[in-house]
Protein backbone atom coordinates (compact mmCIF):
# COMPACT_ATOMS: atom_id res chain seq x y z
CA MET A 1 12.91 -14.81 12.46
CA THR A 2 12.88 -12.61 15.55
CA THR A 3 10.07 -12.65 18.11
CA ARG A 4 8.81 -9.30 16.83
CA GLU A 5 8.80 -10.49 13.25
CA GLN A 6 6.92 -13.66 14.22
CA ARG A 7 4.30 -11.59 16.08
CA ILE A 8 3.71 -9.47 12.98
CA ALA A 9 3.43 -12.55 10.75
CA ASP A 10 0.93 -14.16 13.16
CA PHE A 11 -1.07 -10.93 13.44
CA ILE A 12 -1.64 -10.55 9.69
CA ALA A 13 -2.26 -14.25 8.95
CA PRO A 14 -6.09 -14.01 9.35
CA PHE A 15 -6.24 -11.27 6.69
CA ARG A 16 -4.46 -13.20 3.93
CA VAL A 17 -6.49 -14.60 1.04
CA GLU A 18 -5.04 -18.00 0.27
CA PRO A 19 -4.32 -18.35 -3.48
CA GLY A 20 -6.93 -20.41 -5.26
CA LYS A 21 -9.48 -20.13 -2.47
CA ASN A 22 -13.04 -19.01 -3.21
CA VAL A 23 -14.03 -15.91 -1.27
CA LYS A 24 -17.35 -14.65 0.06
CA LEU A 25 -16.70 -11.37 1.82
CA GLY A 26 -19.65 -11.42 4.19
CA LYS A 27 -18.89 -14.98 5.26
CA ASP A 28 -15.09 -15.28 5.20
CA PHE A 29 -13.94 -11.85 6.43
CA ALA A 30 -15.66 -9.77 9.10
CA PRO A 31 -15.39 -5.95 8.73
CA ASP A 32 -15.50 -5.51 12.53
CA PHE A 33 -12.83 -8.11 13.37
CA LYS A 34 -10.19 -6.89 15.85
CA GLY A 35 -8.51 -10.08 17.03
CA THR A 36 -6.58 -9.73 20.27
CA VAL A 37 -6.31 -5.92 20.15
CA ARG A 38 -9.17 -5.02 22.44
CA SER A 39 -8.76 -1.28 22.91
CA LYS A 40 -8.12 1.80 20.81
CA LYS A 41 -5.48 2.94 23.31
CA ARG A 42 -3.52 -0.26 22.81
CA GLY A 43 -4.03 0.12 19.08
CA ARG A 44 -2.43 3.56 19.05
CA LYS A 45 0.70 2.21 20.73
CA LEU A 46 0.93 -0.58 18.20
CA LEU A 47 0.52 1.88 15.33
CA VAL A 48 3.41 4.00 16.64
CA GLN A 49 5.59 0.90 16.81
CA GLY A 50 4.51 -0.09 13.31
CA THR A 51 5.26 3.31 11.76
CA GLU A 52 8.68 3.38 13.45
CA LEU A 53 9.44 -0.01 11.96
CA LEU A 54 8.28 1.16 8.53
CA SER A 55 10.50 4.22 8.76
CA GLU A 56 13.52 2.08 9.57
CA TYR A 57 12.96 -0.37 6.74
CA GLN A 58 12.04 2.33 4.23
CA SER A 59 15.38 4.03 4.88
CA ARG A 60 17.15 0.76 4.16
CA LEU A 61 15.07 0.18 1.02
CA TYR A 62 15.91 3.66 -0.28
CA ALA A 63 19.63 3.27 0.48
CA GLN A 64 19.92 -0.21 -1.04
CA HIS A 65 18.15 0.91 -4.23
CA THR A 66 17.56 -2.63 -5.44
CA HIS A 67 13.92 -3.48 -4.71
CA GLY A 68 10.77 -1.41 -4.95
CA VAL A 69 7.41 -1.80 -3.20
CA LEU A 70 3.97 -1.20 -4.68
CA VAL A 71 1.11 -0.86 -2.19
CA VAL A 72 -2.31 -1.34 -3.76
CA LEU A 73 -5.28 0.06 -1.82
CA GLN A 74 -8.82 -0.85 -2.79
CA ALA A 75 -12.04 -0.07 -0.95
CA LEU A 76 -15.55 1.19 -1.39
CA ASP A 77 -16.25 4.89 -0.85
CA ALA A 78 -15.56 5.96 2.76
CA GLY A 79 -13.45 2.83 3.26
CA GLY A 80 -10.60 4.85 4.78
CA LYS A 81 -7.96 4.79 2.03
CA ASP A 82 -6.76 8.38 2.51
CA GLY A 83 -6.64 8.08 6.30
CA THR A 84 -4.74 4.82 6.07
CA ILE A 85 -2.09 6.40 3.85
CA ARG A 86 -1.82 9.46 6.08
CA HIS A 87 -1.47 7.57 9.37
CA VAL A 88 0.50 4.54 8.25
CA MET A 89 3.14 6.44 6.28
CA THR A 90 3.74 9.00 9.04
CA GLY A 91 7.46 9.30 9.69
CA VAL A 92 8.74 7.81 6.43
CA ASN A 93 10.97 9.88 4.17
CA PRO A 94 8.62 11.51 1.60
CA GLN A 95 11.48 11.52 -0.90
CA GLY A 96 11.13 7.74 -1.18
CA VAL A 97 7.32 7.50 -1.28
CA SER A 98 4.85 8.39 -4.03
CA VAL A 99 1.06 8.27 -3.94
CA HIS A 100 -1.12 8.09 -7.04
CA SER A 101 -4.91 8.30 -7.19
CA PHE A 102 -6.62 7.08 -10.32
CA LYS A 103 -9.74 8.89 -11.45
CA VAL A 104 -11.83 8.54 -14.60
CA PRO A 105 -9.35 7.80 -17.43
CA THR A 106 -8.50 10.60 -19.83
CA ASN A 107 -8.87 10.35 -23.60
CA GLU A 108 -5.13 9.77 -23.92
CA GLU A 109 -5.28 6.94 -21.38
CA LEU A 110 -8.26 5.38 -23.15
CA ASP A 111 -6.23 5.32 -26.37
CA HIS A 112 -3.90 2.74 -24.76
CA ASP A 113 -4.38 -0.66 -23.17
CA TYR A 114 -6.06 -0.62 -19.75
CA LEU A 115 -2.81 -1.22 -17.80
CA TRP A 116 -0.86 1.53 -19.58
CA ARG A 117 -1.61 4.40 -17.21
CA TYR A 118 -0.81 2.29 -14.14
CA GLY A 119 2.55 1.23 -15.56
CA LEU A 120 3.53 4.88 -15.95
CA ARG A 121 3.22 5.44 -12.21
CA LEU A 122 4.99 2.39 -10.83
CA PRO A 123 7.61 3.03 -8.14
CA ALA A 124 11.30 3.03 -8.98
CA ARG A 125 13.83 0.86 -7.20
CA GLY A 126 14.30 2.07 -3.65
CA GLU A 127 10.82 3.59 -3.53
CA ILE A 128 7.45 2.74 -2.04
CA GLY A 129 4.63 3.56 -4.44
CA ILE A 130 1.02 3.66 -3.29
CA PHE A 131 -1.94 3.26 -5.62
CA ASN A 132 -5.04 4.82 -4.07
CA ARG A 133 -7.41 2.77 -6.18
CA SER A 134 -5.57 0.90 -8.87
CA HIS A 135 -5.61 -1.33 -11.93
CA TYR A 136 -8.21 -3.40 -10.07
CA GLU A 137 -10.81 -0.78 -10.93
CA GLU A 138 -10.76 -2.46 -14.35
CA VAL A 139 -12.37 -5.59 -12.88
CA LEU A 140 -14.47 -3.79 -10.27
CA VAL A 141 -16.14 -0.55 -11.36
CA VAL A 142 -16.00 -1.53 -15.01
CA ARG A 143 -17.53 -4.91 -14.20
CA VAL A 144 -20.33 -3.41 -12.09
CA HIS A 145 -20.91 -0.76 -14.78
CA PRO A 146 -20.19 -2.58 -18.06
CA GLU A 147 -21.34 0.47 -20.04
CA LEU A 148 -17.93 1.98 -19.18
CA LEU A 149 -16.38 -0.53 -21.56
CA ASP A 150 -17.79 1.46 -24.47
CA ARG A 151 -15.29 4.23 -23.73
CA GLN A 152 -12.41 1.75 -24.00
CA ARG A 153 -13.29 1.08 -27.64
CA LEU A 154 -12.34 -2.59 -27.51
CA PRO A 155 -12.64 -4.57 -30.72
CA ALA A 156 -15.34 -7.24 -30.71
CA GLU A 157 -12.90 -10.14 -30.41
CA ALA A 158 -11.30 -8.57 -27.32
CA GLN A 159 -14.62 -8.62 -25.45
CA LYS A 160 -14.90 -12.42 -25.47
CA GLY A 161 -13.99 -13.93 -22.10
CA LEU A 162 -13.04 -10.42 -20.99
CA TRP A 163 -13.06 -10.80 -17.20
CA SER A 164 -11.23 -14.12 -17.04
CA ARG A 165 -8.62 -12.72 -19.39
CA ARG A 166 -8.16 -9.56 -17.34
CA TYR A 167 -7.65 -11.55 -14.15
CA ARG A 168 -4.98 -13.57 -15.96
CA GLU A 169 -3.32 -10.50 -17.47
CA ILE A 170 -3.20 -8.71 -14.12
CA ASN A 171 -1.68 -11.78 -12.45
CA GLU A 172 0.94 -12.07 -15.18
CA TRP A 173 1.74 -8.33 -15.03
CA GLU A 174 2.24 -8.52 -11.28
CA ARG A 175 4.32 -11.69 -11.68
CA MET A 176 6.61 -9.83 -14.08
CA LEU A 177 7.01 -6.98 -11.58
CA SER A 178 7.69 -9.42 -8.75
CA ASP A 179 10.28 -11.31 -10.80
CA ASN A 180 12.06 -8.00 -11.41
CA GLY A 181 12.38 -7.09 -7.74
CA PHE A 182 9.16 -5.20 -7.02
CA LYS A 183 7.19 -6.38 -4.02
CA ILE A 184 3.42 -5.99 -4.39
CA VAL A 185 1.33 -5.47 -1.26
CA LYS A 186 -2.42 -5.59 -1.91
CA LEU A 187 -4.83 -4.31 0.74
CA PHE A 188 -8.60 -4.42 0.50
CA LEU A 189 -10.26 -2.31 3.22
CA ASN A 190 -13.37 -4.30 4.04
CA LEU A 191 -16.14 -1.93 5.17
CA SER A 192 -19.65 -2.94 6.23
CA ARG A 193 -22.71 -1.37 4.64
CA GLU A 194 -23.84 0.08 7.98
CA GLU A 195 -20.47 1.64 8.77
CA GLN A 196 -20.40 3.22 5.31
CA ARG A 197 -23.82 4.74 5.99
CA ILE A 198 -22.58 6.18 9.30
CA ARG A 199 -19.51 7.69 7.66
CA PHE A 200 -21.58 9.27 4.91
CA LEU A 201 -23.82 10.89 7.55
CA ARG A 202 -20.76 12.18 9.37
CA ARG A 203 -19.48 13.79 6.18
CA ILE A 204 -22.78 15.61 5.86
CA ASP A 205 -23.00 16.66 9.53
CA LEU A 206 -19.43 17.95 9.85
CA ARG A 207 -18.87 21.04 7.71
CA ASP A 208 -15.15 20.46 7.35
CA HIS A 209 -15.98 17.03 5.93
CA ASN A 210 -18.60 18.21 3.43
CA TRP A 211 -16.02 18.37 0.66
CA LYS A 212 -15.54 14.60 0.96
CA PHE A 213 -19.18 13.88 0.23
CA SER A 214 -20.49 13.19 -3.24
CA SER A 215 -24.02 12.26 -4.24
CA ALA A 216 -22.40 9.77 -6.62
CA ASP A 217 -21.15 7.85 -3.58
CA VAL A 218 -24.72 7.34 -2.41
CA ARG A 219 -25.80 6.25 -5.87
CA GLU A 220 -23.09 3.62 -5.84
CA ARG A 221 -24.58 2.18 -2.62
CA GLU A 222 -27.44 0.91 -4.78
CA TYR A 223 -24.91 -1.49 -6.31
CA TRP A 224 -23.67 -2.80 -2.95
CA ASP A 225 -24.38 -6.47 -3.69
CA SER A 226 -22.84 -6.24 -7.14
CA TYR A 227 -19.67 -4.71 -5.68
CA GLN A 228 -19.47 -7.40 -3.00
CA GLN A 229 -19.63 -10.05 -5.72
CA ALA A 230 -17.04 -8.24 -7.83
CA PHE A 231 -14.68 -7.87 -4.86
CA SER A 232 -15.12 -11.53 -3.94
CA ARG A 233 -14.29 -12.65 -7.49
CA MET A 234 -11.31 -10.30 -7.64
CA LEU A 235 -9.87 -11.60 -4.36
CA ALA A 236 -10.35 -15.23 -5.37
CA ARG A 237 -8.93 -14.87 -8.88
CA THR A 238 -5.99 -12.51 -8.23
CA SER A 239 -4.60 -13.52 -4.84
CA THR A 240 -1.36 -15.25 -5.81
CA GLU A 241 1.77 -16.53 -4.07
CA TRP A 242 3.76 -13.59 -5.46
CA ALA A 243 1.07 -10.96 -4.76
CA PRO A 244 -1.52 -12.14 -2.21
CA TRP A 245 -4.47 -10.04 -1.12
CA TYR A 246 -5.00 -9.03 2.50
CA VAL A 247 -8.56 -8.22 3.55
CA ILE A 248 -8.29 -5.54 6.24
CA PRO A 249 -11.20 -5.18 8.69
CA ALA A 250 -12.11 -1.51 8.15
CA ASP A 251 -15.09 -0.78 10.42
CA ARG A 252 -12.68 0.49 13.09
CA LYS A 253 -10.32 2.98 11.51
CA TRP A 254 -7.69 2.58 14.22
CA TYR A 255 -7.58 -1.19 13.74
CA ALA A 256 -7.47 -0.93 9.95
CA ARG A 257 -4.41 1.32 10.21
CA ILE A 258 -2.60 -1.10 12.52
CA ALA A 259 -3.38 -4.01 10.22
CA ALA A 260 -2.27 -2.14 7.08
CA ALA A 261 0.99 -1.04 8.74
CA ALA A 262 1.66 -4.63 9.83
CA VAL A 263 1.14 -6.05 6.33
CA ILE A 264 3.43 -3.44 4.74
CA ALA A 265 6.05 -3.91 7.47
CA ASN A 266 5.94 -7.68 6.96
CA ALA A 267 6.59 -7.22 3.24
CA LEU A 268 9.64 -5.04 3.97
CA ILE A 269 10.90 -7.51 6.57
CA ASP A 270 10.60 -10.22 3.93
CA LEU A 271 12.71 -8.16 1.52
CA ASP A 272 15.21 -7.42 4.32
CA PRO A 273 16.92 -4.45 2.62
CA ARG A 274 20.37 -3.54 3.93
CA TYR A 275 22.46 -0.39 3.91
CA PRO A 276 25.21 -0.69 1.27
CA LYS A 277 28.60 -1.69 2.66
CA VAL A 278 31.58 0.54 1.96
CA ASP A 279 34.69 -1.41 0.87
CA LYS A 280 38.21 -0.75 2.17
CA LYS A 281 39.22 1.40 -0.80
CA ALA A 282 36.17 3.65 -0.44
CA ARG A 283 36.64 3.85 3.34
CA ALA A 284 40.28 4.89 2.87
CA ALA A 285 39.16 7.61 0.47
CA LEU A 286 36.67 8.85 3.08
CA GLN A 287 39.44 9.10 5.66
CA GLU A 288 41.52 11.19 3.25
CA ILE A 289 38.56 13.53 2.71
CA LYS A 290 38.04 13.72 6.47
CA ALA A 291 41.67 14.71 7.01
CA THR A 292 41.36 17.47 4.41
CA LEU A 293 38.18 18.82 6.04
CA GLU A 294 39.79 18.78 9.49
CA LYS A 295 42.68 20.90 8.22
CA GLN A 296 40.16 23.51 7.04
CA ALA A 297 38.75 24.04 10.55
CA PRO A 298 38.98 27.66 11.87
CA LYS A 299 41.44 28.32 14.69
CA GLY A 300 39.98 27.29 18.04
CA ALA A 301 37.31 25.08 16.49
CA ALA A 302 37.28 21.34 17.03
CA ALA A 303 38.58 19.54 13.97
CA ASP A 304 36.04 16.79 14.51
CA PRO A 305 32.95 18.19 16.35
CA PHE A 306 31.56 14.70 16.85
CA ALA A 307 34.76 13.50 18.47
CA ALA A 308 34.92 16.63 20.64
CA SER A 309 31.43 15.96 21.96
CA MET A 310 32.27 12.44 23.09
CA PRO A 311 32.99 11.98 26.82
CA SER A 312 36.66 11.47 27.68
CA GLY A 313 38.04 8.40 29.42
């Protein structure tokens, strides 16, 4: 492991939810944590370095076409999911990245099992897929608002031990994906109640942010404690060795973006994708093609413009 890679691993270690550990969000993870990064200016430099690293590794991932990466983003309203995606994925090739947001399920989606619609949008090999909200809504929103289960039309026997079973099913689903070469990176943006209030006010005060505001978001604040409990249970029951959760301090947007970039970069470093090697036969064929192309050069033009631009001597 290089010095840079070790620094990244050390930086993200405080965010990792150890598998099997009970979690209490307010006690175990502070939304305003910023570790050793003391200034926003320093944070911006680190984010640039992080996005450059992501771009490099994403190119390798796309070229190798063996592994895929699924980034799961969960947060309360105003947690910064959209901004994290926008800033962290700056510079990566959009051809190899897909983002999916999951809203209220359609009638067609409700006619299938609860993981069906998420499976349809998984990344392919060589791609990074991002779930802006995810299959974890099924043990979060649905748990806080159990009346939503009525729409899923579950038979009576399927409602017994529902939440424990869903935690197990999600873990097994992610284990299957991991065993088949898909790295799962799970990020929970941990926002404080006060910071959420401030961000809601900002959305109201700034006209170009009004479109982001919904009265439903404020109504959901009434369930703050229930959501904190649901998140804590989710983190404790579904942080596994093959797909651990990382709780990202989200009160400072700039720090949350650095932390998210570091966790994703660490996952790609762990995969260590490489550009495919060209064997001797293929290389010889390339040289034959090159010779043919050089013969087609117009009179007076350099046969190999790259060679012509190289300094002599």
